[in-house]
């Protein structure tokens, strides 16, 4: 397997989106796997999983969303800060990056894997550009933010924006996530991510993780949740697109699996013909960084091998 290659994708509006590519050591890749990371993290955190897939013949590309990682340049306001209509811009970035990778490897199937907030971005992508995809994998996923009153959240965030602007950091995300650690022994406050203490410590020590969102980015996310769960948009996902959902059973984001079962029911309702899912007992939010991550990796590889 070749070393990770870092580059930048130039978006139509001039934004420079950091990208990371992992390629098999030799031979023609079997498929492209594109990764959309979660909130307040970055694409480099998927290095171990990407190297695993590349070692089994897959080309992998990840990127840092706007306001995240190496994309969050000081010139753009830094971490958590984005321009207007950030969500649509990020989905467009994912499309442009996927198209560029596909052009470099013509004829290869493209599978999109989204984690957490990235799973919501991936669902949006599938609604807009589902015909481009050979598969959709959603990890750490949930239909909506737990306990979210969308109308109330939108009103509150719009008030924040009116008072302080889109770029002002908001307490919305920390407040929304504040109860996630309640079920676990508190050490850092991020025990809800994984049972692996070393992985939790690496997250806490990473300055590109765990930061607050601007009011604008938070508002765009909440608005996008309404968009992707609209029945008319749900119906735009191609029925023949294979979908796999993988979560930790103790992930606090899905309210005791309630928000996973609601999401699965959405896919069934619109007629998804190839829908599979797995919940890992005792696992928490970041199943690729969990103590059973080898099992998770093997399962996702088996799903890819079956569908490619």
C-alpha atoms as a PDB file:
ATOM      1  CA  UNK A   1       0.000   0.000   0.000  1.00  0.00           C
ATOM      2  CA  UNK A   2       1.244   3.481  -0.882  1.00  0.00           C
ATOM      3  CA  UNK A   3       1.562   6.225   1.726  1.00  0.00           C
ATOM      4  CA  UNK A   4      -1.312   8.631   2.245  1.00  0.00           C
ATOM      5  CA  UNK A   5      -1.209  11.472  -0.263  1.00  0.00           C
ATOM      6  CA  UNK A   6      -2.474  14.902   0.789  1.00  0.00           C
ATOM      7  CA  UNK A   7      -3.696  17.425  -1.770  1.00  0.00           C
ATOM      8  CA  UNK A   8      -6.269  20.195  -2.168  1.00  0.00           C
ATOM      9  CA  UNK A   9      -9.405  20.251  -4.299  1.00  0.00           C
ATOM     10  CA  UNK A  10     -10.295  23.668  -5.709  1.00  0.00           C
ATOM     11  CA  UNK A  11     -14.033  24.226  -5.348  1.00  0.00           C
ATOM     12  CA  UNK A  12     -15.875  26.410  -7.876  1.00  0.00           C
ATOM     13  CA  UNK A  13     -16.156  29.220  -5.298  1.00  0.00           C
ATOM     14  CA  UNK A  14     -12.391  29.188  -4.737  1.00  0.00           C
ATOM     15  CA  UNK A  15     -12.359  27.240  -1.462  1.00  0.00           C
ATOM     16  CA  UNK A  16      -9.402  24.847  -1.073  1.00  0.00           C
ATOM     17  CA  UNK A  17     -10.674  21.535   0.297  1.00  0.00           C
ATOM     18  CA  UNK A  18      -8.019  19.282   1.845  1.00  0.00           C
ATOM     19  CA  UNK A  19      -8.098  15.740   0.450  1.00  0.00           C
ATOM     20  CA  UNK A  20      -6.349  12.500   1.411  1.00  0.00           C
ATOM     21  CA  UNK A  21      -5.844   9.519  -0.881  1.00  0.00           C
ATOM     22  CA  UNK A  22      -4.746   5.948  -0.186  1.00  0.00           C
ATOM     23  CA  UNK A  23      -4.021   3.621  -3.115  1.00  0.00           C
ATOM     24  CA  UNK A  24      -3.243  -0.099  -3.328  1.00  0.00           C
ATOM     25  CA  UNK A  25       0.466  -0.857  -3.697  1.00  0.00           C
ATOM     26  CA  UNK A  26       0.065  -2.483  -7.064  1.00  0.00           C
ATOM     27  CA  UNK A  27      -2.596  -3.429  -9.543  1.00  0.00           C
ATOM     28  CA  UNK A  28      -5.820  -1.778 -10.585  1.00  0.00           C
ATOM     29  CA  UNK A  29      -8.069  -0.726  -7.651  1.00  0.00           C
ATOM     30  CA  UNK A  30     -11.242  -2.737  -7.279  1.00  0.00           C
ATOM     31  CA  UNK A  31     -13.351   0.322  -6.446  1.00  0.00           C
ATOM     32  CA  UNK A  32     -13.225   3.801  -4.949  1.00  0.00           C
ATOM     33  CA  UNK A  33     -14.375   4.335  -1.382  1.00  0.00           C
ATOM     34  CA  UNK A  34     -15.030   7.964  -0.481  1.00  0.00           C
ATOM     35  CA  UNK A  35     -15.240   8.886   3.214  1.00  0.00           C
ATOM     36  CA  UNK A  36     -17.276  11.765   4.671  1.00  0.00           C
ATOM     37  CA  UNK A  37     -16.156  12.373   8.260  1.00  0.00           C
ATOM     38  CA  UNK A  38     -18.277  13.508  11.203  1.00  0.00           C
ATOM     39  CA  UNK A  39     -18.722  16.785  13.052  1.00  0.00           C
ATOM     40  CA  UNK A  40     -15.678  18.449  14.635  1.00  0.00           C
ATOM     41  CA  UNK A  41     -13.132  15.913  13.367  1.00  0.00           C
ATOM     42  CA  UNK A  42     -11.238  15.383  10.079  1.00  0.00           C
ATOM     43  CA  UNK A  43     -10.352  12.974   7.291  1.00  0.00           C
ATOM     44  CA  UNK A  44      -6.934  11.933   8.611  1.00  0.00           C
ATOM     45  CA  UNK A  45      -8.626  10.135  11.498  1.00  0.00           C
ATOM     46  CA  UNK A  46      -9.648   7.458   8.980  1.00  0.00           C
ATOM     47  CA  UNK A  47      -6.053   6.606   8.077  1.00  0.00           C
ATOM     48  CA  UNK A  48      -6.069   3.174   9.749  1.00  0.00           C
ATOM     49  CA  UNK A  49      -9.298   2.083   8.082  1.00  0.00           C
ATOM     50  CA  UNK A  50      -8.223   3.528   4.734  1.00  0.00           C
ATOM     51  CA  UNK A  51      -4.910   1.667   4.896  1.00  0.00           C
ATOM     52  CA  UNK A  52      -6.841  -1.524   5.690  1.00  0.00           C
ATOM     53  CA  UNK A  53      -9.057  -1.081   2.625  1.00  0.00           C
ATOM     54  CA  UNK A  54      -6.105  -0.142   0.401  1.00  0.00           C
ATOM     55  CA  UNK A  55      -4.386  -3.310   1.573  1.00  0.00           C
ATOM     56  CA  UNK A  56      -7.355  -5.221   0.161  1.00  0.00           C
ATOM     57  CA  UNK A  57      -7.314  -3.514  -3.225  1.00  0.00           C
ATOM     58  CA  UNK A  58      -9.553  -0.481  -2.709  1.00  0.00           C
ATOM     59  CA  UNK A  59      -8.651   3.125  -3.491  1.00  0.00           C
ATOM     60  CA  UNK A  60      -9.809   5.436  -0.696  1.00  0.00           C
ATOM     61  CA  UNK A  61     -10.310   9.201  -0.672  1.00  0.00           C
ATOM     62  CA  UNK A  62     -11.313  11.372   2.282  1.00  0.00           C
ATOM     63  CA  UNK A  63     -11.517  15.132   2.723  1.00  0.00           C
ATOM     64  CA  UNK A  64     -11.826  17.748   5.439  1.00  0.00           C
ATOM     65  CA  UNK A  65     -15.202  19.482   5.294  1.00  0.00           C
ATOM     66  CA  UNK A  66     -15.404  23.262   5.298  1.00  0.00           C
ATOM     67  CA  UNK A  67     -14.635  24.543   8.786  1.00  0.00           C
ATOM     68  CA  UNK A  68     -12.722  21.329   9.584  1.00  0.00           C
ATOM     69  CA  UNK A  69      -9.127  20.087   9.586  1.00  0.00           C
ATOM     70  CA  UNK A  70      -6.745  21.468   6.986  1.00  0.00           C
ATOM     71  CA  UNK A  71      -9.651  23.031   5.085  1.00  0.00           C
ATOM     72  CA  UNK A  72     -10.311  25.385   8.010  1.00  0.00           C
ATOM     73  CA  UNK A  73      -7.628  27.909   7.092  1.00  0.00           C
ATOM     74  CA  UNK A  74      -7.215  31.084   9.093  1.00  0.00           C
ATOM     75  CA  UNK A  75      -8.289  33.014   5.989  1.00  0.00           C
ATOM     76  CA  UNK A  76     -11.721  31.373   6.178  1.00  0.00           C
ATOM     77  CA  UNK A  77     -12.206  32.035   9.894  1.00  0.00           C
ATOM     78  CA  UNK A  78     -10.742  28.826  11.305  1.00  0.00           C
ATOM     79  CA  UNK A  79     -12.362  25.747  12.831  1.00  0.00           C
ATOM     80  CA  UNK A  80     -16.142  25.626  12.881  1.00  0.00           C
ATOM     81  CA  UNK A  81     -16.531  28.728  10.710  1.00  0.00           C
ATOM     82  CA  UNK A  82     -17.967  28.579   7.194  1.00  0.00           C
ATOM     83  CA  UNK A  83     -19.505  30.800   4.553  1.00  0.00           C
ATOM     84  CA  UNK A  84     -23.088  30.986   3.377  1.00  0.00           C
ATOM     85  CA  UNK A  85     -25.122  27.787   2.916  1.00  0.00           C
ATOM     86  CA  UNK A  86     -22.265  25.621   4.143  1.00  0.00           C
ATOM     87  CA  UNK A  87     -24.127  22.310   3.985  1.00  0.00           C
ATOM     88  CA  UNK A  88     -24.918  22.560   0.278  1.00  0.00           C
ATOM     89  CA  UNK A  89     -21.334  23.660  -0.363  1.00  0.00           C
ATOM     90  CA  UNK A  90     -19.970  20.607   1.497  1.00  0.00           C
ATOM     91  CA  UNK A  91     -22.224  18.212  -0.435  1.00  0.00           C
ATOM     92  CA  UNK A  92     -21.040  19.905  -3.634  1.00  0.00           C
ATOM     93  CA  UNK A  93     -17.427  19.499  -2.477  1.00  0.00           C
ATOM     94  CA  UNK A  94     -17.949  15.782  -1.922  1.00  0.00           C
ATOM     95  CA  UNK A  95     -19.423  15.503  -5.423  1.00  0.00           C
ATOM     96  CA  UNK A  96     -16.506  17.386  -7.000  1.00  0.00           C
ATOM     97  CA  UNK A  97     -13.904  15.350  -5.110  1.00  0.00           C
ATOM     98  CA  UNK A  98     -15.639  12.098  -6.031  1.00  0.00           C
ATOM     99  CA  UNK A  99     -15.846  13.139  -9.678  1.00  0.00           C
ATOM    100  CA  UNK A 100     -12.155  14.037  -9.728  1.00  0.00           C
ATOM    101  CA  UNK A 101     -11.184  10.678  -8.204  1.00  0.00           C
ATOM    102  CA  UNK A 102     -13.461   8.835 -10.632  1.00  0.00           C
ATOM    103  CA  UNK A 103     -11.845  10.637 -13.574  1.00  0.00           C
ATOM    104  CA  UNK A 104      -8.434   9.469 -12.361  1.00  0.00           C
ATOM    105  CA  UNK A 105      -9.735   5.870 -12.162  1.00  0.00           C
ATOM    106  CA  UNK A 106     -12.268   5.595 -15.003  1.00  0.00           C
ATOM    107  CA  UNK A 107     -14.788   2.820 -14.786  1.00  0.00           C
ATOM    108  CA  UNK A 108     -14.368   2.097 -11.074  1.00  0.00           C
ATOM    109  CA  UNK A 109     -17.494   1.838  -8.902  1.00  0.00           C
ATOM    110  CA  UNK A 110     -17.793   4.553  -6.221  1.00  0.00           C
ATOM    111  CA  UNK A 111     -18.981   3.746  -2.696  1.00  0.00           C
ATOM    112  CA  UNK A 112     -19.666   6.581  -0.249  1.00  0.00           C
ATOM    113  CA  UNK A 113     -19.124   5.971   3.471  1.00  0.00           C
ATOM    114  CA  UNK A 114     -20.381   8.640   5.855  1.00  0.00           C
ATOM    115  CA  UNK A 115     -19.893   8.701   9.616  1.00  0.00           C
ATOM    116  CA  UNK A 116     -22.213  10.536  12.041  1.00  0.00           C
ATOM    117  CA  UNK A 117     -22.800  14.020  10.579  1.00  0.00           C
ATOM    118  CA  UNK A 118     -20.984  12.653   7.525  1.00  0.00           C
ATOM    119  CA  UNK A 119     -23.685   9.978   7.269  1.00  0.00           C
ATOM    120  CA  UNK A 120     -26.223  12.789   6.938  1.00  0.00           C
ATOM    121  CA  UNK A 121     -24.071  14.401   4.255  1.00  0.00           C
ATOM    122  CA  UNK A 122     -23.874  11.012   2.532  1.00  0.00           C
ATOM    123  CA  UNK A 123     -27.660  10.641   2.647  1.00  0.00           C
ATOM    124  CA  UNK A 124     -27.994  14.093   1.081  1.00  0.00           C
ATOM    125  CA  UNK A 125     -25.453  13.110  -1.604  1.00  0.00           C
ATOM    126  CA  UNK A 126     -27.445   9.954  -2.335  1.00  0.00           C
ATOM    127  CA  UNK A 127     -30.600  12.049  -2.772  1.00  0.00           C
ATOM    128  CA  UNK A 128     -28.874  14.430  -5.182  1.00  0.00           C
ATOM    129  CA  UNK A 129     -26.361  12.182  -6.967  1.00  0.00           C
ATOM    130  CA  UNK A 130     -27.363   8.630  -6.059  1.00  0.00           C
ATOM    131  CA  UNK A 131     -26.983   7.419  -9.636  1.00  0.00           C
ATOM    132  CA  UNK A 132     -23.208   7.962  -9.273  1.00  0.00           C
ATOM    133  CA  UNK A 133     -22.933   5.489  -6.401  1.00  0.00           C
ATOM    134  CA  UNK A 134     -22.478   1.734  -6.310  1.00  0.00           C
ATOM    135  CA  UNK A 135     -23.085   1.617  -2.555  1.00  0.00           C
ATOM    136  CA  UNK A 136     -23.813   3.699   0.550  1.00  0.00           C
ATOM    137  CA  UNK A 137     -22.397   2.875   3.999  1.00  0.00           C
ATOM    138  CA  UNK A 138     -23.618   4.803   7.052  1.00  0.00           C
ATOM    139  CA  UNK A 139     -21.720   4.408  10.353  1.00  0.00           C
ATOM    140  CA  UNK A 140     -22.508   6.011  13.703  1.00  0.00           C
ATOM    141  CA  UNK A 141     -25.699   7.168  12.065  1.00  0.00           C
ATOM    142  CA  UNK A 142     -29.039   8.429  13.369  1.00  0.00           C
ATOM    143  CA  UNK A 143     -32.121   9.838  11.630  1.00  0.00           C
ATOM    144  CA  UNK A 144     -31.978  13.188  13.450  1.00  0.00           C
ATOM    145  CA  UNK A 145     -30.101  14.742  16.350  1.00  0.00           C
ATOM    146  CA  UNK A 146     -31.515  13.209  19.548  1.00  0.00           C
ATOM    147  CA  UNK A 147     -34.131  15.334  21.259  1.00  0.00           C
ATOM    148  CA  UNK A 148     -33.951  17.974  18.546  1.00  0.00           C
ATOM    149  CA  UNK A 149     -36.853  20.379  18.111  1.00  0.00           C
ATOM    150  CA  UNK A 150     -35.997  21.551  14.603  1.00  0.00           C
ATOM    151  CA  UNK A 151     -38.310  24.565  14.565  1.00  0.00           C
ATOM    152  CA  UNK A 152     -37.075  25.725  17.967  1.00  0.00           C
ATOM    153  CA  UNK A 153     -33.441  25.136  17.060  1.00  0.00           C
ATOM    154  CA  UNK A 154     -33.756  27.027  13.778  1.00  0.00           C
ATOM    155  CA  UNK A 155     -35.432  29.957  15.520  1.00  0.00           C
ATOM    156  CA  UNK A 156     -32.785  30.068  18.240  1.00  0.00           C
ATOM    157  CA  UNK A 157     -29.892  29.884  15.788  1.00  0.00           C
ATOM    158  CA  UNK A 158     -31.429  32.510  13.513  1.00  0.00           C
ATOM    159  CA  UNK A 159     -31.667  34.790  16.559  1.00  0.00           C
ATOM    160  CA  UNK A 160     -27.990  34.141  17.336  1.00  0.00           C
ATOM    161  CA  UNK A 161     -27.048  34.924  13.740  1.00  0.00           C
ATOM    162  CA  UNK A 162     -29.093  38.130  13.746  1.00  0.00           C
ATOM    163  CA  UNK A 163     -27.361  39.274  16.934  1.00  0.00           C
ATOM    164  CA  UNK A 164     -23.764  38.144  16.358  1.00  0.00           C
ATOM    165  CA  UNK A 165     -23.448  36.951  12.758  1.00  0.00           C
ATOM    166  CA  UNK A 166     -22.987  33.511  11.132  1.00  0.00           C
ATOM    167  CA  UNK A 167     -19.313  33.290  12.113  1.00  0.00           C
ATOM    168  CA  UNK A 168     -19.806  33.714  15.873  1.00  0.00           C
ATOM    169  CA  UNK A 169     -19.216  30.451  17.747  1.00  0.00           C
ATOM    170  CA  UNK A 170     -22.406  28.943  19.141  1.00  0.00           C
ATOM    171  CA  UNK A 171     -23.162  26.846  22.226  1.00  0.00           C
ATOM    172  CA  UNK A 172     -25.742  24.861  20.222  1.00  0.00           C
ATOM    173  CA  UNK A 173     -23.625  21.751  19.467  1.00  0.00           C
ATOM    174  CA  UNK A 174     -22.006  21.462  22.946  1.00  0.00           C
ATOM    175  CA  UNK A 175     -25.463  21.907  24.486  1.00  0.00           C
ATOM    176  CA  UNK A 176     -27.007  19.298  22.178  1.00  0.00           C
ATOM    177  CA  UNK A 177     -24.233  16.788  22.939  1.00  0.00           C
ATOM    178  CA  UNK A 178     -24.009  17.599  26.665  1.00  0.00           C
ATOM    179  CA  UNK A 179     -25.801  14.467  27.880  1.00  0.00           C
ATOM    180  CA  UNK A 180     -23.980  11.992  25.633  1.00  0.00           C
ATOM    181  CA  UNK A 181     -21.436  11.024  28.313  1.00  0.00           C
ATOM    182  CA  UNK A 182     -23.974  10.575  31.107  1.00  0.00           C
ATOM    183  CA  UNK A 183     -24.154   6.778  30.743  1.00  0.00           C
ATOM    184  CA  UNK A 184     -20.386   6.302  30.992  1.00  0.00           C
ATOM    185  CA  UNK A 185     -17.756   6.706  33.703  1.00  0.00           C
ATOM    186  CA  UNK A 186     -16.495  10.247  33.262  1.00  0.00           C
ATOM    187  CA  UNK A 187     -12.780  10.730  32.649  1.00  0.00           C
ATOM    188  CA  UNK A 188     -12.477  13.184  29.749  1.00  0.00           C
ATOM    189  CA  UNK A 189     -16.096  13.798  28.795  1.00  0.00           C
ATOM    190  CA  UNK A 190     -15.645  11.943  25.505  1.00  0.00           C
ATOM    191  CA  UNK A 191     -16.012   8.371  26.767  1.00  0.00           C
ATOM    192  CA  UNK A 192     -19.171   8.125  24.623  1.00  0.00           C
ATOM    193  CA  UNK A 193     -16.954   7.899  21.526  1.00  0.00           C
ATOM    194  CA  UNK A 194     -15.221   4.585  22.312  1.00  0.00           C
ATOM    195  CA  UNK A 195     -14.367   2.024  25.002  1.00  0.00           C
ATOM    196  CA  UNK A 196     -10.725   2.370  23.924  1.00  0.00           C
ATOM    197  CA  UNK A 197      -9.170   4.914  26.304  1.00  0.00           C
ATOM    198  CA  UNK A 198      -6.192   5.472  23.989  1.00  0.00           C
ATOM    199  CA  UNK A 199      -8.531   6.453  21.142  1.00  0.00           C
ATOM    200  CA  UNK A 200     -10.440   8.831  23.412  1.00  0.00           C
ATOM    201  CA  UNK A 201      -7.180  10.407  24.589  1.00  0.00           C
ATOM    202  CA  UNK A 202      -6.016  10.854  20.985  1.00  0.00           C
ATOM    203  CA  UNK A 203      -9.277  12.648  20.191  1.00  0.00           C
ATOM    204  CA  UNK A 204      -8.954  14.940  23.207  1.00  0.00           C
ATOM    205  CA  UNK A 205      -5.323  15.760  22.345  1.00  0.00           C
ATOM    206  CA  UNK A 206      -6.150  16.555  18.703  1.00  0.00           C
ATOM    207  CA  UNK A 207      -6.697  20.293  18.266  1.00  0.00           C
ATOM    208  CA  UNK A 208      -8.698  19.531  15.125  1.00  0.00           C
ATOM    209  CA  UNK A 209     -11.295  17.602  17.143  1.00  0.00           C
ATOM    210  CA  UNK A 210     -14.041  18.601  19.531  1.00  0.00           C
ATOM    211  CA  UNK A 211     -14.308  22.281  18.601  1.00  0.00           C
ATOM    212  CA  UNK A 212     -17.486  24.387  18.616  1.00  0.00           C
ATOM    213  CA  UNK A 213     -19.470  25.204  15.472  1.00  0.00           C
ATOM    214  CA  UNK A 214     -20.330  28.698  14.356  1.00  0.00           C
ATOM    215  CA  UNK A 215     -24.006  29.616  14.502  1.00  0.00           C
ATOM    216  CA  UNK A 216     -24.066  29.522  10.690  1.00  0.00           C
ATOM    217  CA  UNK A 217     -22.729  25.979  10.396  1.00  0.00           C
ATOM    218  CA  UNK A 218     -25.018  24.748  13.186  1.00  0.00           C
ATOM    219  CA  UNK A 219     -28.028  26.354  11.501  1.00  0.00           C
ATOM    220  CA  UNK A 220     -27.106  24.834   8.141  1.00  0.00           C
ATOM    221  CA  UNK A 221     -26.835  21.360   9.744  1.00  0.00           C
ATOM    222  CA  UNK A 222     -30.224  21.641  11.443  1.00  0.00           C
ATOM    223  CA  UNK A 223     -31.821  22.863   8.229  1.00  0.00           C
ATOM    224  CA  UNK A 224     -30.254  19.960   6.344  1.00  0.00           C
ATOM    225  CA  UNK A 225     -31.793  17.451   8.763  1.00  0.00           C
ATOM    226  CA  UNK A 226     -35.221  18.715   7.757  1.00  0.00           C
ATOM    227  CA  UNK A 227     -34.235  18.457   4.079  1.00  0.00           C
ATOM    228  CA  UNK A 228     -32.871  14.910   4.133  1.00  0.00           C
ATOM    229  CA  UNK A 229     -35.819  13.552   6.144  1.00  0.00           C
ATOM    230  CA  UNK A 230     -38.443  15.101   3.864  1.00  0.00           C
ATOM    231  CA  UNK A 231     -40.374  12.209   2.238  1.00  0.00           C
ATOM    232  CA  UNK A 232     -40.037  13.760  -1.203  1.00  0.00           C
ATOM    233  CA  UNK A 233     -36.249  13.881  -0.881  1.00  0.00           C
ATOM    234  CA  UNK A 234     -36.052  10.418   0.677  1.00  0.00           C
ATOM    235  CA  UNK A 235     -37.799   9.064  -2.406  1.00  0.00           C
ATOM    236  CA  UNK A 236     -35.025  10.455  -4.633  1.00  0.00           C
ATOM    237  CA  UNK A 237     -32.517   7.846  -3.397  1.00  0.00           C
ATOM    238  CA  UNK A 238     -32.347   5.161  -6.113  1.00  0.00           C
ATOM    239  CA  UNK A 239     -34.163   2.038  -4.949  1.00  0.00           C
ATOM    240  CA  UNK A 240     -31.417  -0.135  -6.377  1.00  0.00           C
ATOM    241  CA  UNK A 241     -28.635   1.560  -4.362  1.00  0.00           C
ATOM    242  CA  UNK A 242     -27.280  -0.929  -1.784  1.00  0.00           C
ATOM    243  CA  UNK A 243     -27.323   0.617   1.712  1.00  0.00           C
ATOM    244  CA  UNK A 244     -25.559  -0.681   4.834  1.00  0.00           C
ATOM    245  CA  UNK A 245     -25.994   0.789   8.317  1.00  0.00           C
ATOM    246  CA  UNK A 246     -23.461  -0.007  11.069  1.00  0.00           C
ATOM    247  CA  UNK A 247     -23.649   1.400  14.607  1.00  0.00           C
ATOM    248  CA  UNK A 248     -22.565   0.785  18.159  1.00  0.00           C
ATOM    249  CA  UNK A 249     -25.440  -0.464  20.288  1.00  0.00           C
ATOM    250  CA  UNK A 250     -24.506   1.911  23.130  1.00  0.00           C
ATOM    251  CA  UNK A 251     -23.986   4.970  20.933  1.00  0.00           C
ATOM    252  CA  UNK A 252     -25.939   7.744  22.721  1.00  0.00           C
ATOM    253  CA  UNK A 253     -26.618   9.531  19.418  1.00  0.00           C
ATOM    254  CA  UNK A 254     -29.415   7.169  18.395  1.00  0.00           C
ATOM    255  CA  UNK A 255     -31.438   7.067  21.636  1.00  0.00           C
ATOM    256  CA  UNK A 256     -31.269   3.355  22.331  1.00  0.00           C
ATOM    257  CA  UNK A 257     -31.429   2.416  18.626  1.00  0.00           C
ATOM    258  CA  UNK A 258     -34.704   4.346  18.171  1.00  0.00           C
ATOM    259  CA  UNK A 259     -33.216   6.783  15.631  1.00  0.00           C
ATOM    260  CA  UNK A 260     -31.550   3.903  13.755  1.00  0.00           C
ATOM    261  CA  UNK A 261     -34.777   1.926  13.414  1.00  0.00           C
ATOM    262  CA  UNK A 262     -36.576   5.081  12.232  1.00  0.00           C
ATOM    263  CA  UNK A 263     -33.889   5.590   9.588  1.00  0.00           C
ATOM    264  CA  UNK A 264     -34.114   1.970   8.450  1.00  0.00           C
ATOM    265  CA  UNK A 265     -37.894   2.348   8.206  1.00  0.00           C
ATOM    266  CA  UNK A 266     -37.388   5.378   5.945  1.00  0.00           C
ATOM    267  CA  UNK A 267     -35.283   3.304   3.554  1.00  0.00           C
ATOM    268  CA  UNK A 268     -37.839   0.481   3.621  1.00  0.00           C
ATOM    269  CA  UNK A 269     -40.667   2.935   2.988  1.00  0.00           C
ATOM    270  CA  UNK A 270     -39.077   4.282  -0.187  1.00  0.00           C
ATOM    271  CA  UNK A 271     -38.363   0.751  -1.425  1.00  0.00           C
ATOM    272  CA  UNK A 272     -34.607   0.289  -0.949  1.00  0.00           C
ATOM    273  CA  UNK A 273     -34.088  -3.213  -2.300  1.00  0.00           C
ATOM    274  CA  UNK A 274     -30.720  -4.032  -0.701  1.00  0.00           C
ATOM    275  CA  UNK A 275     -30.746  -2.773   2.905  1.00  0.00           C
ATOM    276  CA  UNK A 276     -28.578  -4.361   5.597  1.00  0.00           C
ATOM    277  CA  UNK A 277     -27.602  -3.275   9.096  1.00  0.00           C
ATOM    278  CA  UNK A 278     -25.641  -4.323  12.153  1.00  0.00           C
ATOM    279  CA  UNK A 279     -25.477  -3.030  15.718  1.00  0.00           C
ATOM    280  CA  UNK A 280     -22.346  -4.019  17.670  1.00  0.00           C
ATOM    281  CA  UNK A 281     -23.079  -4.945  21.310  1.00  0.00           C
ATOM    282  CA  UNK A 282     -21.453  -2.636  23.901  1.00  0.00           C
ATOM    283  CA  UNK A 283     -19.821  -0.506  21.184  1.00  0.00           C
ATOM    284  CA  UNK A 284     -20.185   3.274  21.296  1.00  0.00           C
ATOM    285  CA  UNK A 285     -20.184   6.012  18.639  1.00  0.00           C
ATOM    286  CA  UNK A 286     -16.935   5.608  16.679  1.00  0.00           C
ATOM    287  CA  UNK A 287     -17.087   1.964  15.685  1.00  0.00           C
ATOM    288  CA  UNK A 288     -13.945   2.292  13.523  1.00  0.00           C
ATOM    289  CA  UNK A 289     -12.051   3.367  16.661  1.00  0.00           C
ATOM    290  CA  UNK A 290     -13.655   0.860  19.006  1.00  0.00           C
ATOM    291  CA  UNK A 291     -12.054  -2.084  20.812  1.00  0.00           C
ATOM    292  CA  UNK A 292     -13.741  -4.400  18.266  1.00  0.00           C
ATOM    293  CA  UNK A 293     -12.612  -2.335  15.260  1.00  0.00           C
ATOM    294  CA  UNK A 294     -11.038  -5.341  13.519  1.00  0.00           C
ATOM    295  CA  UNK A 295     -14.455  -7.029  13.506  1.00  0.00           C
ATOM    296  CA  UNK A 296     -16.034  -3.850  12.121  1.00  0.00           C
ATOM    297  CA  UNK A 297     -13.352  -3.503   9.439  1.00  0.00           C
ATOM    298  CA  UNK A 298     -13.758  -7.125   8.391  1.00  0.00           C
ATOM    299  CA  UNK A 299     -17.550  -6.760   8.199  1.00  0.00           C
ATOM    300  CA  UNK A 300     -17.351  -3.617   6.070  1.00  0.00           C
ATOM    301  CA  UNK A 301     -14.777  -5.253   3.795  1.00  0.00           C
ATOM    302  CA  UNK A 302     -17.049  -8.288   3.388  1.00  0.00           C
ATOM    303  CA  UNK A 303     -19.945  -5.979   2.461  1.00  0.00           C
ATOM    304  CA  UNK A 304     -17.787  -4.186  -0.112  1.00  0.00           C
ATOM    305  CA  UNK A 305     -16.485  -7.458  -1.560  1.00  0.00           C
ATOM    306  CA  UNK A 306     -20.048  -8.716  -1.940  1.00  0.00           C
ATOM    307  CA  UNK A 307     -21.317  -5.555  -3.637  1.00  0.00           C
ATOM    308  CA  UNK A 308     -18.399  -4.707  -5.923  1.00  0.00           C
END
